């Protein structure tokens, strides 16, 4: 059995949804999540052995009242969310939205950087994604053309069937045809590129746009003024970021990148490198401890070894961070259910998905329904397998 709460009718009116783990069907809806009401409903099933739920104290008490021998399992997703939310609050309290770390930030401090017209091929931007999608679509059409050609279809018939021109069919039948555009990822040489060294030198000297433009035009530049302006804007930004308040070379690290590392490994967070993270941890040691404690909790949660949890809680409490200690205290209050979450494979995913089904039905009815009507419609649809 999975149980979860949901909102209906009014914003602060909640009910309880019951889902059978074996049949994966919604069994019933209750117009309440009060301990007594939930316990009374559960008591009508004396054969109930396992209940998966979130960390709700109410549901914990209700299941306990319904049967002392019922095994309660705390949902792993909610446990992880509770810890990452606590860790996020810690990081937010420790560091500002933007922090600076010592680094050679640009060519103004002796380290050459990529010029602004050179594309970062490690990053899939919108044009790249759009091009890849178009290539996949065209590739499927080409495969269809080749398949029909093998079956002996004429070009005219293939064109009519697929909805393309005769000429396009003939082109797709060419052995060397590629769906990738011939000029994709090719760029023309920038007119300003031969003059960047002089522009950077004049910017260091405090020269204006007009002075720089006149100087490079004398050297042969025949491009637009707007090109110079865009390049100068980028270079001035690098110059500004290269110097911190103390005159030390610094690089800006955004706090949201550190928070992203709570949910993803560092190779999946493109904005920050391991070297940058090490420098942040050197400046803020608690950041490293927080990331480590989240990582070790994930390992313990999926280790199938409930005893690992006790070791983790002791390590977490040694940090003496209020938010983390509060999370650990919550685990201790529900320790049996948390250990069962580590030991067994059950989770609350069925209940969470069923709440989404319920919301779909509610929205179809524009929210103009009584609880009984909502319950009746959802249970009838479950019997007809409309949503499973």
Protein backbone atom coordinates (compact mmCIF):
# COMPACT_ATOMS: atom_id res chain seq x y z
CA UNK A 1 0.00 0.00 0.00
CA UNK A 2 1.20 3.53 -0.86
CA UNK A 3 -0.42 6.56 0.73
CA UNK A 4 -0.01 10.26 0.00
CA UNK A 5 -1.91 13.48 0.48
CA UNK A 6 -3.40 15.82 -2.13
CA UNK A 7 -5.20 19.16 -2.22
CA UNK A 8 -8.80 19.45 -3.43
CA UNK A 9 -11.50 22.10 -3.68
CA UNK A 10 -9.80 24.76 -1.56
CA UNK A 11 -6.12 25.47 -1.28
CA UNK A 12 -5.78 24.20 2.30
CA UNK A 13 -8.25 21.31 2.05
CA UNK A 14 -6.39 18.01 1.87
CA UNK A 15 -7.30 14.40 1.29
CA UNK A 16 -5.49 11.06 1.27
CA UNK A 17 -4.98 8.77 -1.72
CA UNK A 18 -4.54 5.00 -1.29
CA UNK A 19 -2.73 2.93 -3.95
CA UNK A 20 -2.26 -0.86 -4.11
CA UNK A 21 1.43 -1.63 -4.68
CA UNK A 22 0.68 -4.98 -6.38
CA UNK A 23 -2.13 -3.98 -8.78
CA UNK A 24 -0.79 -0.42 -9.19
CA UNK A 25 -4.34 0.89 -8.94
CA UNK A 26 -5.91 3.61 -6.81
CA UNK A 27 -8.05 1.87 -4.20
CA UNK A 28 -9.75 4.79 -2.49
CA UNK A 29 -9.70 8.52 -1.71
CA UNK A 30 -10.35 9.96 1.74
CA UNK A 31 -11.54 13.56 2.22
CA UNK A 32 -9.14 13.90 5.16
CA UNK A 33 -5.59 13.23 6.25
CA UNK A 34 -6.34 13.30 9.98
CA UNK A 35 -4.74 10.52 12.00
CA UNK A 36 -8.03 9.03 13.21
CA UNK A 37 -9.68 8.99 9.77
CA UNK A 38 -6.67 7.40 8.03
CA UNK A 39 -6.17 4.85 10.85
CA UNK A 40 -9.86 3.86 10.72
CA UNK A 41 -9.69 3.24 6.96
CA UNK A 42 -6.47 1.22 7.23
CA UNK A 43 -7.95 -0.88 10.03
CA UNK A 44 -10.52 -2.28 7.59
CA UNK A 45 -7.69 -4.21 5.91
CA UNK A 46 -6.38 -6.69 8.53
CA UNK A 47 -4.14 -8.32 5.88
CA UNK A 48 -2.18 -5.10 5.31
CA UNK A 49 1.56 -5.80 5.64
CA UNK A 50 3.52 -2.89 4.08
CA UNK A 51 2.79 0.83 3.81
CA UNK A 52 5.04 3.20 1.83
CA UNK A 53 4.67 6.87 2.72
CA UNK A 54 6.52 10.18 2.96
CA UNK A 55 7.93 11.49 6.24
CA UNK A 56 4.57 12.75 7.53
CA UNK A 57 4.17 12.37 11.30
CA UNK A 58 0.40 12.05 10.85
CA UNK A 59 0.68 9.07 8.50
CA UNK A 60 3.29 7.48 10.78
CA UNK A 61 0.87 7.65 13.73
CA UNK A 62 -2.12 6.55 11.64
CA UNK A 63 -0.40 3.42 10.35
CA UNK A 64 0.85 2.60 13.84
CA UNK A 65 -2.70 2.86 15.21
CA UNK A 66 -4.04 0.67 12.41
CA UNK A 67 -1.66 -2.19 13.17
CA UNK A 68 1.51 -2.54 15.21
CA UNK A 69 2.86 -5.22 12.84
CA UNK A 70 2.52 -3.15 9.65
CA UNK A 71 5.92 -2.41 8.12
CA UNK A 72 6.32 1.30 7.36
CA UNK A 73 8.70 2.42 4.61
CA UNK A 74 9.80 6.03 4.24
CA UNK A 75 10.06 7.20 0.63
CA UNK A 76 13.66 7.64 -0.57
CA UNK A 77 12.82 10.59 -2.82
CA UNK A 78 11.42 12.56 0.12
CA UNK A 79 14.43 11.67 2.25
CA UNK A 80 16.84 12.94 -0.40
CA UNK A 81 14.75 16.05 -0.94
CA UNK A 82 14.75 16.77 2.79
CA UNK A 83 18.53 16.57 2.98
CA UNK A 84 19.22 18.56 -0.21
CA UNK A 85 16.78 21.27 0.93
CA UNK A 86 18.62 21.50 4.25
CA UNK A 87 21.99 21.58 2.47
CA UNK A 88 20.71 24.29 0.12
CA UNK A 89 19.75 26.45 3.11
CA UNK A 90 23.22 25.96 4.59
CA UNK A 91 24.97 27.01 1.37
CA UNK A 92 22.64 30.02 1.02
CA UNK A 93 23.51 31.14 4.55
CA UNK A 94 27.26 30.63 4.04
CA UNK A 95 27.95 32.42 0.75
CA UNK A 96 26.59 35.36 -1.24
CA UNK A 97 24.91 34.96 -4.63
CA UNK A 98 28.26 35.67 -6.31
CA UNK A 99 31.65 34.91 -4.80
CA UNK A 100 35.17 35.55 -6.06
CA UNK A 101 38.04 33.09 -6.11
CA UNK A 102 41.68 33.84 -6.99
CA UNK A 103 42.46 33.03 -10.62
CA UNK A 104 44.15 34.37 -13.72
CA UNK A 105 40.88 35.42 -15.24
CA UNK A 106 41.88 36.64 -18.70
CA UNK A 107 44.62 37.63 -21.10
CA UNK A 108 44.78 40.94 -19.21
CA UNK A 109 46.40 38.96 -16.37
CA UNK A 110 48.68 36.81 -18.50
CA UNK A 111 46.28 34.00 -19.41
CA UNK A 112 44.98 33.82 -22.98
CA UNK A 113 41.22 33.28 -23.39
CA UNK A 114 39.07 32.19 -26.31
CA UNK A 115 38.15 35.08 -28.58
CA UNK A 116 34.52 36.09 -28.54
CA UNK A 117 33.75 34.97 -32.11
CA UNK A 118 35.00 31.43 -31.48
CA UNK A 119 32.18 29.02 -30.65
CA UNK A 120 32.29 26.83 -27.55
CA UNK A 121 31.79 23.40 -29.11
CA UNK A 122 31.44 21.77 -25.71
CA UNK A 123 28.14 23.57 -25.17
CA UNK A 124 25.02 22.67 -27.11
CA UNK A 125 23.30 26.02 -27.65
CA UNK A 126 19.88 26.56 -29.25
CA UNK A 127 21.11 26.69 -32.90
CA UNK A 128 23.01 23.44 -32.35
CA UNK A 129 20.00 21.71 -30.80
CA UNK A 130 17.77 22.95 -33.62
CA UNK A 131 20.25 21.74 -36.25
CA UNK A 132 20.49 18.30 -34.59
CA UNK A 133 16.70 17.93 -34.46
CA UNK A 134 16.40 18.88 -38.15
CA UNK A 135 19.14 16.39 -39.04
CA UNK A 136 17.31 13.59 -37.24
CA UNK A 137 14.05 14.41 -39.03
CA UNK A 138 15.76 14.53 -42.42
CA UNK A 139 17.64 11.31 -41.66
CA UNK A 140 14.35 9.48 -41.05
CA UNK A 141 12.96 10.79 -44.35
CA UNK A 142 16.11 9.70 -46.21
CA UNK A 143 15.86 6.22 -44.68
CA UNK A 144 12.23 5.99 -45.76
CA UNK A 145 13.15 7.02 -49.33
CA UNK A 146 15.90 4.39 -49.49
CA UNK A 147 13.58 1.74 -48.08
CA UNK A 148 10.89 2.44 -50.70
CA UNK A 149 13.55 2.54 -53.41
CA UNK A 150 14.64 -1.00 -52.47
CA UNK A 151 11.02 -2.09 -52.74
CA UNK A 152 10.98 -0.89 -56.35
CA UNK A 153 8.91 2.28 -55.98
CA UNK A 154 9.37 4.95 -58.63
CA UNK A 155 10.62 8.40 -57.68
CA UNK A 156 7.25 9.97 -58.55
CA UNK A 157 5.39 7.51 -56.32
CA UNK A 158 7.87 7.99 -53.47
CA UNK A 159 7.49 11.79 -53.73
CA UNK A 160 3.70 11.49 -53.50
CA UNK A 161 3.85 9.05 -50.61
CA UNK A 162 6.25 11.07 -48.42
CA UNK A 163 5.22 14.57 -49.52
CA UNK A 164 8.49 15.80 -51.00
CA UNK A 165 9.51 16.82 -54.52
CA UNK A 166 10.82 14.53 -57.24
CA UNK A 167 14.16 16.38 -57.20
CA UNK A 168 14.49 15.88 -53.43
CA UNK A 169 13.85 12.15 -53.81
CA UNK A 170 16.61 11.93 -56.43
CA UNK A 171 19.00 13.84 -54.14
CA UNK A 172 18.20 11.58 -51.16
CA UNK A 173 18.91 8.49 -53.30
CA UNK A 174 22.49 9.67 -53.82
CA UNK A 175 24.91 7.42 -51.94
CA UNK A 176 27.00 10.31 -50.62
CA UNK A 177 24.04 12.39 -49.40
CA UNK A 178 24.41 13.70 -45.82
CA UNK A 179 21.61 15.33 -43.77
CA UNK A 180 24.16 17.70 -42.18
CA UNK A 181 24.20 21.11 -43.87
CA UNK A 182 27.39 21.64 -45.85
CA UNK A 183 28.15 24.98 -44.19
CA UNK A 184 27.27 23.95 -40.63
CA UNK A 185 29.93 25.05 -38.10
CA UNK A 186 31.84 27.00 -40.73
CA UNK A 187 32.52 30.68 -40.10
CA UNK A 188 33.96 33.52 -42.10
CA UNK A 189 37.14 35.17 -40.89
CA UNK A 190 36.28 38.15 -38.71
CA UNK A 191 37.50 41.48 -40.09
CA UNK A 192 38.46 42.62 -36.61
CA UNK A 193 40.58 39.61 -35.72
CA UNK A 194 43.90 40.96 -37.17
CA UNK A 195 43.60 44.08 -34.96
CA UNK A 196 42.75 42.53 -31.56
CA UNK A 197 46.26 42.97 -30.11
CA UNK A 198 46.20 46.70 -30.87
CA UNK A 199 42.63 47.07 -29.52
CA UNK A 200 43.55 45.36 -26.23
CA UNK A 201 46.62 47.55 -25.82
CA UNK A 202 44.63 50.73 -26.46
CA UNK A 203 41.93 49.60 -24.01
CA UNK A 204 44.58 49.21 -21.32
CA UNK A 205 45.64 52.78 -22.06
CA UNK A 206 42.03 53.99 -21.67
CA UNK A 207 41.38 54.82 -25.34
CA UNK A 208 37.81 55.53 -26.48
CA UNK A 209 35.85 53.81 -29.25
CA UNK A 210 36.48 56.67 -31.66
CA UNK A 211 40.23 56.66 -31.01
CA UNK A 212 40.46 52.89 -31.47
CA UNK A 213 38.34 52.99 -34.62
CA UNK A 214 40.49 55.71 -36.19
CA UNK A 215 43.70 53.86 -35.29
CA UNK A 216 42.73 50.49 -36.78
CA UNK A 217 41.16 52.08 -39.87
CA UNK A 218 44.52 53.65 -40.58
CA UNK A 219 45.96 50.13 -40.44
CA UNK A 220 43.43 48.87 -42.99
CA UNK A 221 40.29 47.90 -41.06
CA UNK A 222 37.21 48.36 -43.29
CA UNK A 223 34.48 46.78 -41.15
CA UNK A 224 31.57 48.32 -39.26
CA UNK A 225 31.84 50.43 -36.09
CA UNK A 226 29.31 48.14 -34.37
CA UNK A 227 31.75 45.21 -34.66
CA UNK A 228 34.40 47.21 -32.80
CA UNK A 229 31.87 48.26 -30.17
CA UNK A 230 30.73 44.66 -29.48
CA UNK A 231 34.30 43.43 -29.20
CA UNK A 232 35.26 46.31 -26.88
CA UNK A 233 32.24 45.60 -24.65
CA UNK A 234 33.36 42.02 -24.17
CA UNK A 235 36.97 43.03 -23.51
CA UNK A 236 35.99 45.70 -20.97
CA UNK A 237 33.95 43.06 -19.11
CA UNK A 238 37.02 40.82 -18.94
CA UNK A 239 39.10 43.72 -17.66
CA UNK A 240 36.55 44.46 -14.96
CA UNK A 241 36.29 40.82 -13.83
CA UNK A 242 40.07 40.45 -13.83
CA UNK A 243 40.38 42.79 -10.83
CA UNK A 244 38.62 42.33 -7.52
CA UNK A 245 38.02 44.96 -4.88
CA UNK A 246 41.49 44.35 -3.46
CA UNK A 247 43.15 44.45 -6.85
CA UNK A 248 43.67 40.67 -6.72
CA UNK A 249 42.86 38.62 -9.80
CA UNK A 250 39.50 36.93 -9.14
CA UNK A 251 36.90 34.89 -10.97
CA UNK A 252 33.17 35.04 -10.28
CA UNK A 253 31.49 31.82 -9.09
CA UNK A 254 27.71 31.83 -8.76
CA UNK A 255 26.14 30.23 -5.70
CA UNK A 256 23.54 28.45 -7.84
CA UNK A 257 26.34 26.37 -9.42
CA UNK A 258 27.35 25.11 -5.97
CA UNK A 259 23.71 24.26 -5.23
CA UNK A 260 23.45 22.36 -8.53
CA UNK A 261 26.24 20.08 -7.31
CA UNK A 262 23.87 18.80 -4.60
CA UNK A 263 21.81 17.18 -7.35
CA UNK A 264 24.32 16.42 -10.12
CA UNK A 265 27.94 15.25 -10.38
CA UNK A 266 30.43 17.97 -11.28
CA UNK A 267 30.88 16.69 -14.85
CA UNK A 268 27.17 17.41 -15.44
CA UNK A 269 27.40 21.04 -14.20
CA UNK A 270 29.06 22.86 -17.10
CA UNK A 271 29.56 26.21 -15.40
CA UNK A 272 32.07 25.08 -12.77
CA UNK A 273 35.20 22.91 -12.89
CA UNK A 274 36.79 20.72 -10.23
CA UNK A 275 39.65 23.21 -9.93
CA UNK A 276 37.21 26.06 -9.27
CA UNK A 277 35.28 23.95 -6.74
CA UNK A 278 38.51 23.15 -4.88
CA UNK A 279 39.27 26.87 -4.58
CA UNK A 280 35.75 27.56 -3.27
CA UNK A 281 36.12 24.77 -0.69
CA UNK A 282 39.49 26.18 0.35
CA UNK A 283 37.78 29.49 1.07
CA UNK A 284 34.56 27.96 2.51
CA UNK A 285 35.40 24.51 4.02
CA UNK A 286 31.76 23.87 5.02
CA UNK A 287 30.79 23.77 1.30
CA UNK A 288 32.96 20.68 0.81
CA UNK A 289 31.57 19.07 3.96
CA UNK A 290 28.00 19.66 2.80
CA UNK A 291 28.64 18.12 -0.64
CA UNK A 292 30.37 15.14 0.97
CA UNK A 293 27.57 14.54 3.46
CA UNK A 294 24.92 14.59 0.68
CA UNK A 295 26.97 12.18 -1.43
CA UNK A 296 27.55 9.72 1.42
CA UNK A 297 23.84 9.83 2.34
CA UNK A 298 22.89 8.85 -1.23
CA UNK A 299 25.37 5.98 -1.05
CA UNK A 300 23.98 4.82 2.31
CA UNK A 301 20.38 5.10 1.10
CA UNK A 302 20.99 2.70 -1.81
CA UNK A 303 23.54 0.46 -0.09
CA UNK A 304 21.03 -2.13 1.22
CA UNK A 305 22.90 -1.83 4.54
CA UNK A 306 20.69 -0.14 7.20
CA UNK A 307 23.59 -0.06 9.68
CA UNK A 308 25.39 2.46 7.46
CA UNK A 309 22.71 5.02 8.40
CA UNK A 310 23.85 5.23 12.04
CA UNK A 311 27.42 5.99 10.97
CA UNK A 312 26.18 8.66 8.56
CA UNK A 313 24.04 10.38 11.21
CA UNK A 314 27.01 10.56 13.59
CA UNK A 315 29.19 12.13 10.88
CA UNK A 316 26.44 14.61 9.96
CA UNK A 317 25.96 15.72 13.58
CA UNK A 318 29.70 16.40 13.93
CA UNK A 319 29.30 19.26 11.44
CA UNK A 320 27.23 21.10 14.07
CA UNK A 321 25.12 22.79 11.41
CA UNK A 322 21.60 23.60 12.60
CA UNK A 323 19.82 22.66 9.35
CA UNK A 324 21.61 19.32 9.03
CA UNK A 325 21.12 18.44 12.70
CA UNK A 326 17.40 19.18 12.32
CA UNK A 327 17.23 16.75 9.38
CA UNK A 328 19.06 14.07 11.40
CA UNK A 329 16.63 14.51 14.30
CA UNK A 330 13.78 13.90 11.85
CA UNK A 331 15.45 10.67 10.73
CA UNK A 332 15.80 9.50 14.34
CA UNK A 333 12.08 10.07 15.00
CA UNK A 334 11.24 7.81 12.04
CA UNK A 335 14.33 5.59 12.14
CA UNK A 336 12.58 2.24 11.59
CA UNK A 337 10.82 3.42 8.41
CA UNK A 338 14.03 5.01 7.09
CA UNK A 339 16.00 1.79 7.64
CA UNK A 340 13.28 -0.16 5.83
CA UNK A 341 13.66 2.26 2.90
CA UNK A 342 17.32 1.23 2.70
CA UNK A 343 16.59 -2.47 3.14
CA UNK A 344 13.57 -2.84 0.79
CA UNK A 345 12.90 -1.70 -2.78
CA UNK A 346 9.44 -0.17 -2.24
CA UNK A 347 8.87 3.55 -2.76
CA UNK A 348 6.09 6.10 -2.99
CA UNK A 349 6.34 6.67 -6.74
CA UNK A 350 2.95 5.04 -7.39
CA UNK A 351 1.21 7.42 -5.02
CA UNK A 352 2.97 10.48 -6.46
CA UNK A 353 2.01 9.43 -9.99
CA UNK A 354 -1.57 8.79 -8.91
CA UNK A 355 -1.83 12.29 -7.49
CA UNK A 356 -0.87 13.57 -10.95
CA UNK A 357 -3.66 11.47 -12.47
CA UNK A 358 -6.08 12.97 -9.98
CA UNK A 359 -4.98 16.50 -10.91
CA UNK A 360 -5.63 15.76 -14.60
CA UNK A 361 -9.18 14.64 -13.84
CA UNK A 362 -9.75 17.66 -11.61
CA UNK A 363 -8.55 20.07 -14.32
CA UNK A 364 -10.71 18.39 -16.97
CA UNK A 365 -13.67 19.16 -14.69
CA UNK A 366 -12.43 22.77 -14.28
CA UNK A 367 -12.28 22.23 -10.50
CA UNK A 368 -16.12 22.43 -10.34
CA UNK A 369 -16.66 19.13 -8.61
CA UNK A 370 -17.46 17.81 -5.18
CA UNK A 371 -15.09 15.39 -3.51
CA UNK A 372 -17.51 12.49 -4.07
CA UNK A 373 -17.78 13.26 -7.80
CA UNK A 374 -14.01 13.48 -8.14
CA UNK A 375 -13.57 10.21 -6.26
CA UNK A 376 -16.23 8.42 -8.29
CA UNK A 377 -14.83 9.51 -11.63
CA UNK A 378 -11.24 8.63 -10.74
CA UNK A 379 -12.11 5.16 -9.39
CA UNK A 380 -14.25 4.34 -12.43
CA UNK A 381 -11.43 5.34 -14.73
CA UNK A 382 -9.05 3.15 -12.74
CA UNK A 383 -11.32 0.15 -13.27
CA UNK A 384 -11.37 0.81 -17.01
CA UNK A 385 -7.54 1.19 -17.13
CA UNK A 386 -7.81 4.61 -18.69
CA UNK A 387 -4.82 5.93 -16.78
CA UNK A 388 -2.74 2.79 -16.04
